[in-house]
Amino acid sequence: MRPLVLGLPGNDTLVRDLCRDLAAEAGTLVVRRFPDGESYVRLATPVADRPVVLAATLDRPDDKLMPLLLTAATARELGAATVGLVAPYLPYLRQDRRFLEGEALSARRFAALLSDALDWVVTVDPHLHRIHDLREIYSIPVGSVTAAPRVAAWIRAHVAAPLLVGPDEESRQWVEPVAAAVGAPFVLLGKRRLGDERVVIELPPVEAHLGRAPVLLDDIVSSGGTLIQATRLLRRHVVGDPCVVAVHGVFAEGADDRLLAAGCRLVVTCNTIPHPSNQIEVHDLLAAAAAEQLRGVPVG
């Protein structure tokens, strides 16, 4: 049966693109708040016996989680054949271990909530640390697609003679394959901790790359603090005004404006979170992954 796509508020473009690529129907989902702040959800399109695809990018997730869980539960109660989630940005992957006694393992708890509510999930480049695969914490079919080839293609098309710069050693996993695809050199900035809250960023030798255009590359821009420091450092050493390219632009507390104010000449992101910086298309990759889940083919 033809899939039905239900989009949570703010996901109209994602719904449109999924319907186009999956030959699916866009359903009507009503989400609002009662005066006391509780969520109201109504599925205004019949879902019985149909595969339902929920479309919701989950930046700033706390306000979105209850409507998402209510929608998934209601779809199941009303007889949906399956209920899956396309979440271009998947949150709650930071706290994957207890650093202090009593801390919540929110990565595992969030994964448990979605695993209980859904039949499958697909996302783009999850921000993994000590968890190496989403299947370690999700008990349902879950997988990710990578934006790296699209990011590399954008850099090739828009930046002459780039030098890719990773903000720290952890970013190697994103920077190295993109640099290889672009055919450009890369360097990784160093971090030296001087205390509980003070971190100094250090630039490795770049004399061999002078004249190249620096591209700060990361999977996610949240507060932007490290990238802002890196921008100032690159400019101070006359490497040039960098552009920032990231998969996910969360941009907490005006991080995009602060990056530009620090001297970054351009900020570019994939369209995982709606933002004026979106220049790299990944919705079709998500649709292909969702199509495999709808056919019962696991996503790696």
C-alpha atoms as a PDB file:
ATOM      1  CA  MET A   1       0.000   0.000   0.000  1.00  0.00           C
ATOM      2  CA  ARG A   2       1.147   3.556  -0.709  1.00  0.00           C
ATOM      3  CA  PRO A   3       3.118   5.011   2.229  1.00  0.00           C
ATOM      4  CA  LEU A   4       1.674   7.879   4.208  1.00  0.00           C
ATOM      5  CA  VAL A   5       4.023  10.644   5.343  1.00  0.00           C
ATOM      6  CA  LEU A   6       3.078  12.608   8.457  1.00  0.00           C
ATOM      7  CA  GLY A   7       5.217  15.636   9.172  1.00  0.00           C
ATOM      8  CA  LEU A   8       5.585  17.250  12.551  1.00  0.00           C
ATOM      9  CA  PRO A   9       5.436  21.064  12.506  1.00  0.00           C
ATOM     10  CA  GLY A  10       8.317  22.744  10.709  1.00  0.00           C
ATOM     11  CA  ASN A  11       9.082  19.827   8.406  1.00  0.00           C
ATOM     12  CA  ASP A  12       7.102  20.809   5.304  1.00  0.00           C
ATOM     13  CA  THR A  13      10.071  20.644   2.911  1.00  0.00           C
ATOM     14  CA  LEU A  14      11.108  17.245   4.222  1.00  0.00           C
ATOM     15  CA  VAL A  15       7.538  15.954   3.805  1.00  0.00           C
ATOM     16  CA  ARG A  16       7.383  17.260   0.237  1.00  0.00           C
ATOM     17  CA  ASP A  17      10.686  15.669  -0.702  1.00  0.00           C
ATOM     18  CA  LEU A  18       9.865  12.322   0.914  1.00  0.00           C
ATOM     19  CA  CYS A  19       6.492  12.183  -0.836  1.00  0.00           C
ATOM     20  CA  ARG A  20       8.160  12.902  -4.166  1.00  0.00           C
ATOM     21  CA  ASP A  21      10.927  10.320  -3.761  1.00  0.00           C
ATOM     22  CA  LEU A  22       8.811   7.615  -2.107  1.00  0.00           C
ATOM     23  CA  ALA A  23       5.719   8.136  -4.300  1.00  0.00           C
ATOM     24  CA  ALA A  24       3.931   8.599  -0.979  1.00  0.00           C
ATOM     25  CA  GLU A  25       0.906  10.564   0.155  1.00  0.00           C
ATOM     26  CA  ALA A  26       1.225  13.503   2.522  1.00  0.00           C
ATOM     27  CA  GLY A  27      -1.169  13.044   5.414  1.00  0.00           C
ATOM     28  CA  THR A  28      -2.627  15.710   7.665  1.00  0.00           C
ATOM     29  CA  LEU A  29      -1.307  15.835  11.209  1.00  0.00           C
ATOM     30  CA  VAL A  30      -2.704  18.374  13.652  1.00  0.00           C
ATOM     31  CA  VAL A  31      -0.363  19.313  16.485  1.00  0.00           C
ATOM     32  CA  ARG A  32      -1.017  22.118  18.940  1.00  0.00           C
ATOM     33  CA  ARG A  33      -0.790  22.902  22.632  1.00  0.00           C
ATOM     34  CA  PHE A  34      -3.493  23.177  25.230  1.00  0.00           C
ATOM     35  CA  PRO A  35      -3.363  26.352  27.337  1.00  0.00           C
ATOM     36  CA  ASP A  36      -1.568  24.432  30.100  1.00  0.00           C
ATOM     37  CA  GLY A  37       1.240  23.457  27.716  1.00  0.00           C
ATOM     38  CA  GLU A  38       0.228  19.842  27.103  1.00  0.00           C
ATOM     39  CA  SER A  39       0.385  18.539  23.536  1.00  0.00           C
ATOM     40  CA  TYR A  40      -2.685  17.857  21.403  1.00  0.00           C
ATOM     41  CA  VAL A  41      -2.247  15.478  18.444  1.00  0.00           C
ATOM     42  CA  ARG A  42      -4.782  14.360  15.842  1.00  0.00           C
ATOM     43  CA  LEU A  43      -4.161  12.167  12.797  1.00  0.00           C
ATOM     44  CA  ALA A  44      -6.654  13.610  10.303  1.00  0.00           C
ATOM     45  CA  THR A  45      -5.776  11.125   7.545  1.00  0.00           C
ATOM     46  CA  PRO A  46      -6.703   7.425   7.976  1.00  0.00           C
ATOM     47  CA  VAL A  47      -3.666   5.231   8.649  1.00  0.00           C
ATOM     48  CA  ALA A  48      -5.200   1.748   8.939  1.00  0.00           C
ATOM     49  CA  ASP A  49      -3.098  -0.924   7.168  1.00  0.00           C
ATOM     50  CA  ARG A  50      -0.733   1.699   5.732  1.00  0.00           C
ATOM     51  CA  PRO A  51       3.014   2.096   6.294  1.00  0.00           C
ATOM     52  CA  VAL A  52       3.404   5.428   8.058  1.00  0.00           C
ATOM     53  CA  VAL A  53       6.552   7.535   7.791  1.00  0.00           C
ATOM     54  CA  LEU A  54       6.972  10.273  10.385  1.00  0.00           C
ATOM     55  CA  ALA A  55       9.080  13.213   9.192  1.00  0.00           C
ATOM     56  CA  ALA A  56      10.753  15.184  11.972  1.00  0.00           C
ATOM     57  CA  THR A  57      14.198  16.630  12.359  1.00  0.00           C
ATOM     58  CA  LEU A  58      14.893  16.656  16.078  1.00  0.00           C
ATOM     59  CA  ASP A  59      17.058  19.639  16.888  1.00  0.00           C
ATOM     60  CA  ARG A  60      15.939  21.245  20.158  1.00  0.00           C
ATOM     61  CA  PRO A  61      14.191  17.951  20.812  1.00  0.00           C
ATOM     62  CA  ASP A  62      12.497  18.286  24.179  1.00  0.00           C
ATOM     63  CA  ASP A  63       9.478  20.197  22.840  1.00  0.00           C
ATOM     64  CA  LYS A  64       9.212  17.814  19.876  1.00  0.00           C
ATOM     65  CA  LEU A  65       9.470  14.499  21.651  1.00  0.00           C
ATOM     66  CA  MET A  66       6.001  14.323  23.214  1.00  0.00           C
ATOM     67  CA  PRO A  67       4.139  15.141  19.951  1.00  0.00           C
ATOM     68  CA  LEU A  68       6.340  12.582  18.172  1.00  0.00           C
ATOM     69  CA  LEU A  69       5.619   9.833  20.712  1.00  0.00           C
ATOM     70  CA  LEU A  70       1.888  10.625  20.740  1.00  0.00           C
ATOM     71  CA  THR A  71       1.765  10.535  16.932  1.00  0.00           C
ATOM     72  CA  ALA A  72       3.582   7.197  16.741  1.00  0.00           C
ATOM     73  CA  ALA A  73       1.419   5.618  19.441  1.00  0.00           C
ATOM     74  CA  THR A  74      -1.806   6.888  17.859  1.00  0.00           C
ATOM     75  CA  ALA A  75      -0.798   5.608  14.418  1.00  0.00           C
ATOM     76  CA  ARG A  76      -0.251   2.168  15.895  1.00  0.00           C
ATOM     77  CA  GLU A  77      -3.536   2.269  17.830  1.00  0.00           C
ATOM     78  CA  LEU A  78      -5.367   3.201  14.617  1.00  0.00           C
ATOM     79  CA  GLY A  79      -3.945   0.205  12.757  1.00  0.00           C
ATOM     80  CA  ALA A  80      -0.903   1.452  10.832  1.00  0.00           C
ATOM     81  CA  ALA A  81       1.013  -1.422   9.277  1.00  0.00           C
ATOM     82  CA  THR A  82       4.354   0.038  10.375  1.00  0.00           C
ATOM     83  CA  VAL A  83       5.514   3.349  11.832  1.00  0.00           C
ATOM     84  CA  GLY A  84       8.984   4.620  10.969  1.00  0.00           C
ATOM     85  CA  LEU A  85      10.832   7.869  11.509  1.00  0.00           C
ATOM     86  CA  VAL A  86      12.946   9.929   9.137  1.00  0.00           C
ATOM     87  CA  ALA A  87      14.967  12.210  11.434  1.00  0.00           C
ATOM     88  CA  PRO A  88      17.630  14.103   9.478  1.00  0.00           C
ATOM     89  CA  TYR A  89      19.120  15.230  12.785  1.00  0.00           C
ATOM     90  CA  LEU A  90      19.026  12.695  15.617  1.00  0.00           C
ATOM     91  CA  PRO A  91      19.738  14.119  19.098  1.00  0.00           C
ATOM     92  CA  TYR A  92      20.726  12.779  22.496  1.00  0.00           C
ATOM     93  CA  LEU A  93      24.004  11.131  21.533  1.00  0.00           C
ATOM     94  CA  ARG A  94      26.280  13.309  23.689  1.00  0.00           C
ATOM     95  CA  GLN A  95      25.753  11.657  27.091  1.00  0.00           C
ATOM     96  CA  ASP A  96      26.793   8.100  26.280  1.00  0.00           C
ATOM     97  CA  ARG A  97      28.579   7.434  29.594  1.00  0.00           C
ATOM     98  CA  ARG A  98      28.526   8.695  33.169  1.00  0.00           C
ATOM     99  CA  PHE A  99      31.196  11.307  33.676  1.00  0.00           C
ATOM    100  CA  LEU A 100      29.879  12.208  37.134  1.00  0.00           C
ATOM    101  CA  GLU A 101      28.100   9.977  39.626  1.00  0.00           C
ATOM    102  CA  GLY A 102      24.334  10.045  39.149  1.00  0.00           C
ATOM    103  CA  GLU A 103      24.260  11.367  35.582  1.00  0.00           C
ATOM    104  CA  ALA A 104      21.550  10.075  33.258  1.00  0.00           C
ATOM    105  CA  LEU A 105      22.697   7.977  30.308  1.00  0.00           C
ATOM    106  CA  SER A 106      20.462  10.039  28.050  1.00  0.00           C
ATOM    107  CA  ALA A 107      21.735   8.484  24.810  1.00  0.00           C
ATOM    108  CA  ARG A 108      20.496   5.067  25.880  1.00  0.00           C
ATOM    109  CA  ARG A 109      17.278   6.319  27.459  1.00  0.00           C
ATOM    110  CA  PHE A 110      16.327   8.344  24.374  1.00  0.00           C
ATOM    111  CA  ALA A 111      17.118   5.368  22.140  1.00  0.00           C
ATOM    112  CA  ALA A 112      14.896   3.172  24.317  1.00  0.00           C
ATOM    113  CA  LEU A 113      11.998   5.636  24.019  1.00  0.00           C
ATOM    114  CA  LEU A 114      12.188   5.699  20.224  1.00  0.00           C
ATOM    115  CA  SER A 115      12.720   1.944  20.001  1.00  0.00           C
ATOM    116  CA  ASP A 116       9.519   1.343  21.976  1.00  0.00           C
ATOM    117  CA  ALA A 117       7.527   3.796  19.856  1.00  0.00           C
ATOM    118  CA  LEU A 118       8.718   3.021  16.322  1.00  0.00           C
ATOM    119  CA  ASP A 119       9.504   0.202  13.921  1.00  0.00           C
ATOM    120  CA  TRP A 120      12.575   1.841  12.331  1.00  0.00           C
ATOM    121  CA  VAL A 121      14.606   5.056  12.197  1.00  0.00           C
ATOM    122  CA  VAL A 122      16.905   6.570   9.596  1.00  0.00           C
ATOM    123  CA  THR A 123      19.101   9.648   9.997  1.00  0.00           C
ATOM    124  CA  VAL A 124      22.130  11.473   8.606  1.00  0.00           C
ATOM    125  CA  ASP A 125      25.620  11.251  10.141  1.00  0.00           C
ATOM    126  CA  PRO A 126      24.771  10.782  13.825  1.00  0.00           C
ATOM    127  CA  HIS A 127      27.202  12.460  16.215  1.00  0.00           C
ATOM    128  CA  LEU A 128      28.743   9.319  17.708  1.00  0.00           C
ATOM    129  CA  HIS A 129      31.496   9.244  20.316  1.00  0.00           C
ATOM    130  CA  ARG A 130      32.064   6.090  22.373  1.00  0.00           C
ATOM    131  CA  ILE A 131      29.032   4.439  20.765  1.00  0.00           C
ATOM    132  CA  HIS A 132      30.285   3.297  17.380  1.00  0.00           C
ATOM    133  CA  ASP A 133      27.016   2.187  15.823  1.00  0.00           C
ATOM    134  CA  LEU A 134      23.425   3.226  16.549  1.00  0.00           C
ATOM    135  CA  ARG A 135      22.482  -0.440  16.701  1.00  0.00           C
ATOM    136  CA  GLU A 136      24.372  -0.644  19.990  1.00  0.00           C
ATOM    137  CA  ILE A 137      21.622   1.366  21.693  1.00  0.00           C
ATOM    138  CA  TYR A 138      18.540   1.000  19.448  1.00  0.00           C
ATOM    139  CA  SER A 139      16.586  -2.261  19.488  1.00  0.00           C
ATOM    140  CA  ILE A 140      14.845  -1.565  16.142  1.00  0.00           C
ATOM    141  CA  PRO A 141      16.288  -1.341  12.629  1.00  0.00           C
ATOM    142  CA  VAL A 142      18.157   1.966  12.576  1.00  0.00           C
ATOM    143  CA  GLY A 143      20.729   3.324  10.250  1.00  0.00           C
ATOM    144  CA  SER A 144      22.370   6.385   8.848  1.00  0.00           C
ATOM    145  CA  VAL A 145      23.343   7.777   5.511  1.00  0.00           C
ATOM    146  CA  THR A 146      26.444   9.891   5.107  1.00  0.00           C
ATOM    147  CA  ALA A 147      26.560  13.371   3.661  1.00  0.00           C
ATOM    148  CA  ALA A 148      30.323  13.207   3.064  1.00  0.00           C
ATOM    149  CA  PRO A 149      30.137  12.763  -0.746  1.00  0.00           C
ATOM    150  CA  ARG A 150      27.691  15.682  -1.037  1.00  0.00           C
ATOM    151  CA  VAL A 151      29.891  17.847   1.206  1.00  0.00           C
ATOM    152  CA  ALA A 152      32.922  16.978  -0.897  1.00  0.00           C
ATOM    153  CA  ALA A 153      31.053  17.811  -4.095  1.00  0.00           C
ATOM    154  CA  TRP A 154      30.044  21.216  -2.707  1.00  0.00           C
ATOM    155  CA  ILE A 155      33.629  22.037  -1.746  1.00  0.00           C
ATOM    156  CA  ARG A 156      34.958  20.960  -5.167  1.00  0.00           C
ATOM    157  CA  ALA A 157      32.375  23.154  -6.898  1.00  0.00           C
ATOM    158  CA  HIS A 158      32.718  26.271  -4.721  1.00  0.00           C
ATOM    159  CA  VAL A 159      36.221  26.453  -3.228  1.00  0.00           C
ATOM    160  CA  ALA A 160      39.360  26.729  -5.333  1.00  0.00           C
ATOM    161  CA  ALA A 161      42.472  25.097  -3.825  1.00  0.00           C
ATOM    162  CA  PRO A 162      40.897  24.286  -0.437  1.00  0.00           C
ATOM    163  CA  LEU A 163      42.675  23.343   2.766  1.00  0.00           C
ATOM    164  CA  LEU A 164      40.326  21.327   4.957  1.00  0.00           C
ATOM    165  CA  VAL A 165      40.652  22.061   8.668  1.00  0.00           C
ATOM    166  CA  GLY A 166      39.211  19.871  11.393  1.00  0.00           C
ATOM    167  CA  PRO A 167      38.557  21.582  14.754  1.00  0.00           C
ATOM    168  CA  ASP A 168      40.014  18.692  16.775  1.00  0.00           C
ATOM    169  CA  GLU A 169      41.333  15.143  16.502  1.00  0.00           C
ATOM    170  CA  GLU A 170      37.806  13.758  16.889  1.00  0.00           C
ATOM    171  CA  SER A 171      36.819  15.415  13.607  1.00  0.00           C
ATOM    172  CA  ARG A 172      39.277  13.233  11.662  1.00  0.00           C
ATOM    173  CA  GLN A 173      36.501  10.726  11.004  1.00  0.00           C
ATOM    174  CA  TRP A 174      34.661  13.362   8.921  1.00  0.00           C
ATOM    175  CA  VAL A 175      37.530  15.464   7.595  1.00  0.00           C
ATOM    176  CA  GLU A 176      39.781  12.715   6.255  1.00  0.00           C
ATOM    177  CA  PRO A 177      37.278  11.036   3.875  1.00  0.00           C
ATOM    178  CA  VAL A 178      36.007  14.391   2.601  1.00  0.00           C
ATOM    179  CA  ALA A 179      39.579  15.569   1.966  1.00  0.00           C
ATOM    180  CA  ALA A 180      40.282  12.360   0.057  1.00  0.00           C
ATOM    181  CA  ALA A 181      37.153  12.824  -2.069  1.00  0.00           C
ATOM    182  CA  VAL A 182      38.027  16.464  -2.763  1.00  0.00           C
ATOM    183  CA  GLY A 183      41.673  15.671  -3.437  1.00  0.00           C
ATOM    184  CA  ALA A 184      42.792  18.340  -0.978  1.00  0.00           C
ATOM    185  CA  PRO A 185      45.127  18.392   2.031  1.00  0.00           C
ATOM    186  CA  PHE A 186      43.798  18.612   5.566  1.00  0.00           C
ATOM    187  CA  VAL A 187      45.047  19.532   9.012  1.00  0.00           C
ATOM    188  CA  LEU A 188      43.573  18.986  12.457  1.00  0.00           C
ATOM    189  CA  LEU A 189      43.712  21.633  15.158  1.00  0.00           C
ATOM    190  CA  GLY A 190      45.003  20.608  18.561  1.00  0.00           C
ATOM    191  CA  LYS A 191      43.321  21.181  21.912  1.00  0.00           C
ATOM    192  CA  ARG A 192      45.264  21.759  25.106  1.00  0.00           C
ATOM    193  CA  ARG A 193      43.324  21.869  28.375  1.00  0.00           C
ATOM    194  CA  LEU A 194      44.649  24.405  30.887  1.00  0.00           C
ATOM    195  CA  GLY A 195      41.981  23.863  33.520  1.00  0.00           C
ATOM    196  CA  ASP A 196      38.456  22.658  34.105  1.00  0.00           C
ATOM    197  CA  GLU A 197      36.951  25.243  31.766  1.00  0.00           C
ATOM    198  CA  ARG A 198      39.808  26.717  29.711  1.00  0.00           C
ATOM    199  CA  VAL A 199      40.859  25.063  26.460  1.00  0.00           C
ATOM    200  CA  VAL A 200      43.487  26.441  24.081  1.00  0.00           C
ATOM    201  CA  ILE A 201      43.290  25.596  20.384  1.00  0.00           C
ATOM    202  CA  GLU A 202      46.598  25.178  18.575  1.00  0.00           C
ATOM    203  CA  LEU A 203      47.311  25.367  14.851  1.00  0.00           C
ATOM    204  CA  PRO A 204      49.646  22.717  13.420  1.00  0.00           C
ATOM    205  CA  PRO A 205      52.295  23.744  10.850  1.00  0.00           C
ATOM    206  CA  VAL A 206      50.545  25.118   7.753  1.00  0.00           C
ATOM    207  CA  GLU A 207      53.419  26.777   5.897  1.00  0.00           C
ATOM    208  CA  ALA A 208      53.151  24.242   3.082  1.00  0.00           C
ATOM    209  CA  HIS A 209      49.497  25.190   2.541  1.00  0.00           C
ATOM    210  CA  LEU A 210      49.710  28.993   2.460  1.00  0.00           C
ATOM    211  CA  GLY A 211      47.678  30.332  -0.435  1.00  0.00           C
ATOM    212  CA  ARG A 212      45.009  27.680  -0.073  1.00  0.00           C
ATOM    213  CA  ALA A 213      41.467  28.570   1.054  1.00  0.00           C
ATOM    214  CA  PRO A 214      40.743  27.208   4.551  1.00  0.00           C
ATOM    215  CA  VAL A 215      37.514  25.250   5.010  1.00  0.00           C
ATOM    216  CA  LEU A 216      36.582  24.471   8.607  1.00  0.00           C
ATOM    217  CA  LEU A 217      34.726  21.167   8.446  1.00  0.00           C
ATOM    218  CA  ASP A 218      32.704  19.485  11.181  1.00  0.00           C
ATOM    219  CA  ASP A 219      29.648  17.282  11.465  1.00  0.00           C
ATOM    220  CA  ILE A 220      27.729  19.648  13.740  1.00  0.00           C
ATOM    221  CA  VAL A 221      27.766  23.316  14.738  1.00  0.00           C
ATOM    222  CA  SER A 222      26.055  23.772  18.090  1.00  0.00           C
ATOM    223  CA  SER A 223      27.488  26.555  20.250  1.00  0.00           C
ATOM    224  CA  GLY A 224      30.185  27.157  17.643  1.00  0.00           C
ATOM    225  CA  GLY A 225      32.752  28.001  20.323  1.00  0.00           C
ATOM    226  CA  THR A 226      35.555  25.845  18.939  1.00  0.00           C
ATOM    227  CA  LEU A 227      34.920  26.945  15.353  1.00  0.00           C
ATOM    228  CA  ILE A 228      34.899  30.605  16.406  1.00  0.00           C
ATOM    229  CA  GLN A 229      38.275  30.163  18.113  1.00  0.00           C
ATOM    230  CA  ALA A 230      39.555  28.293  15.065  1.00  0.00           C
ATOM    231  CA  THR A 231      38.395  31.086  12.737  1.00  0.00           C
ATOM    232  CA  ARG A 232      40.275  33.696  14.757  1.00  0.00           C
ATOM    233  CA  LEU A 233      43.356  31.496  14.910  1.00  0.00           C
ATOM    234  CA  LEU A 234      43.445  30.930  11.149  1.00  0.00           C
ATOM    235  CA  ARG A 235      43.020  34.634  10.434  1.00  0.00           C
ATOM    236  CA  ARG A 236      45.691  35.577  12.984  1.00  0.00           C
ATOM    237  CA  HIS A 237      48.197  33.319  11.215  1.00  0.00           C
ATOM    238  CA  VAL A 238      47.315  34.826   7.828  1.00  0.00           C
ATOM    239  CA  VAL A 239      45.960  31.552   6.526  1.00  0.00           C
ATOM    240  CA  GLY A 240      42.871  33.388   5.310  1.00  0.00           C
ATOM    241  CA  ASP A 241      39.219  33.942   6.129  1.00  0.00           C
ATOM    242  CA  PRO A 242      37.759  30.448   6.404  1.00  0.00           C
ATOM    243  CA  CYS A 243      34.366  29.203   5.420  1.00  0.00           C
ATOM    244  CA  VAL A 244      32.583  26.713   7.669  1.00  0.00           C
ATOM    245  CA  VAL A 245      30.931  23.627   6.203  1.00  0.00           C
ATOM    246  CA  ALA A 246      28.937  21.332   8.487  1.00  0.00           C
ATOM    247  CA  VAL A 247      26.371  18.570   8.146  1.00  0.00           C
ATOM    248  CA  HIS A 248      24.093  19.760  10.960  1.00  0.00           C
ATOM    249  CA  GLY A 249      23.603  23.431  11.793  1.00  0.00           C
ATOM    250  CA  VAL A 250      22.068  23.568  15.274  1.00  0.00           C
ATOM    251  CA  PHE A 251      23.384  27.116  15.833  1.00  0.00           C
ATOM    252  CA  ALA A 252      22.617  27.498  19.525  1.00  0.00           C
ATOM    253  CA  GLU A 253      22.513  31.069  20.831  1.00  0.00           C
ATOM    254  CA  GLY A 254      23.155  32.717  17.468  1.00  0.00           C
ATOM    255  CA  ALA A 255      26.283  30.713  16.694  1.00  0.00           C
ATOM    256  CA  ASP A 256      25.923  31.412  12.959  1.00  0.00           C
ATOM    257  CA  ASP A 257      26.003  35.183  13.487  1.00  0.00           C
ATOM    258  CA  ARG A 258      28.920  34.888  15.906  1.00  0.00           C
ATOM    259  CA  LEU A 259      30.888  32.843  13.373  1.00  0.00           C
ATOM    260  CA  LEU A 260      30.425  35.546  10.757  1.00  0.00           C
ATOM    261  CA  ALA A 261      31.332  38.252  13.264  1.00  0.00           C
ATOM    262  CA  ALA A 262      34.550  36.353  14.085  1.00  0.00           C
ATOM    263  CA  GLY A 263      35.630  36.579  10.434  1.00  0.00           C
ATOM    264  CA  CYS A 264      34.197  33.474   8.842  1.00  0.00           C
ATOM    265  CA  ARG A 265      33.334  34.454   5.258  1.00  0.00           C
ATOM    266  CA  LEU A 266      30.583  31.864   4.703  1.00  0.00           C
ATOM    267  CA  VAL A 267      28.628  29.233   6.653  1.00  0.00           C
ATOM    268  CA  VAL A 268      27.210  26.271   4.725  1.00  0.00           C
ATOM    269  CA  THR A 269      25.192  23.294   6.018  1.00  0.00           C
ATOM    270  CA  CYS A 270      23.259  20.326   4.743  1.00  0.00           C
ATOM    271  CA  ASN A 271      19.474  20.621   4.852  1.00  0.00           C
ATOM    272  CA  THR A 272      19.101  18.382   7.905  1.00  0.00           C
ATOM    273  CA  ILE A 273      17.883  21.343  10.011  1.00  0.00           C
ATOM    274  CA  PRO A 274      16.069  24.151   8.134  1.00  0.00           C
ATOM    275  CA  HIS A 275      18.294  27.254   8.075  1.00  0.00           C
ATOM    276  CA  PRO A 276      19.362  29.909   5.532  1.00  0.00           C
ATOM    277  CA  SER A 277      22.793  28.227   5.383  1.00  0.00           C
ATOM    278  CA  ASN A 278      21.331  25.068   3.805  1.00  0.00           C
ATOM    279  CA  GLN A 279      23.116  24.549   0.497  1.00  0.00           C
ATOM    280  CA  ILE A 280      23.745  20.787   0.464  1.00  0.00           C
ATOM    281  CA  GLU A 281      20.843  18.455  -0.324  1.00  0.00           C
ATOM    282  CA  VAL A 282      20.460  15.190   1.612  1.00  0.00           C
ATOM    283  CA  HIS A 283      16.694  14.562   1.683  1.00  0.00           C
ATOM    284  CA  ASP A 284      16.931  12.213  -1.301  1.00  0.00           C
ATOM    285  CA  LEU A 285      19.497  10.101   0.573  1.00  0.00           C
ATOM    286  CA  LEU A 286      17.084   9.790   3.483  1.00  0.00           C
ATOM    287  CA  ALA A 287      14.250   8.858   1.137  1.00  0.00           C
ATOM    288  CA  ALA A 288      16.355   6.060  -0.351  1.00  0.00           C
ATOM    289  CA  ALA A 289      17.146   4.756   3.145  1.00  0.00           C
ATOM    290  CA  ALA A 290      13.467   4.967   4.128  1.00  0.00           C
ATOM    291  CA  ALA A 291      12.484   3.077   0.961  1.00  0.00           C
ATOM    292  CA  GLU A 292      14.787   0.235   1.988  1.00  0.00           C
ATOM    293  CA  GLN A 293      13.207   0.134   5.431  1.00  0.00           C
ATOM    294  CA  LEU A 294       9.743   0.080   3.897  1.00  0.00           C
ATOM    295  CA  ARG A 295      10.838  -2.915   1.830  1.00  0.00           C
ATOM    296  CA  GLY A 296      12.242  -4.551   4.946  1.00  0.00           C
ATOM    297  CA  VAL A 297      15.879  -4.115   3.911  1.00  0.00           C
ATOM    298  CA  PRO A 298      18.097  -3.147   6.869  1.00  0.00           C
ATOM    299  CA  VAL A 299      20.074   0.081   6.551  1.00  0.00           C
ATOM    300  CA  GLY A 300      23.765  -0.220   7.456  1.00  0.00           C
END
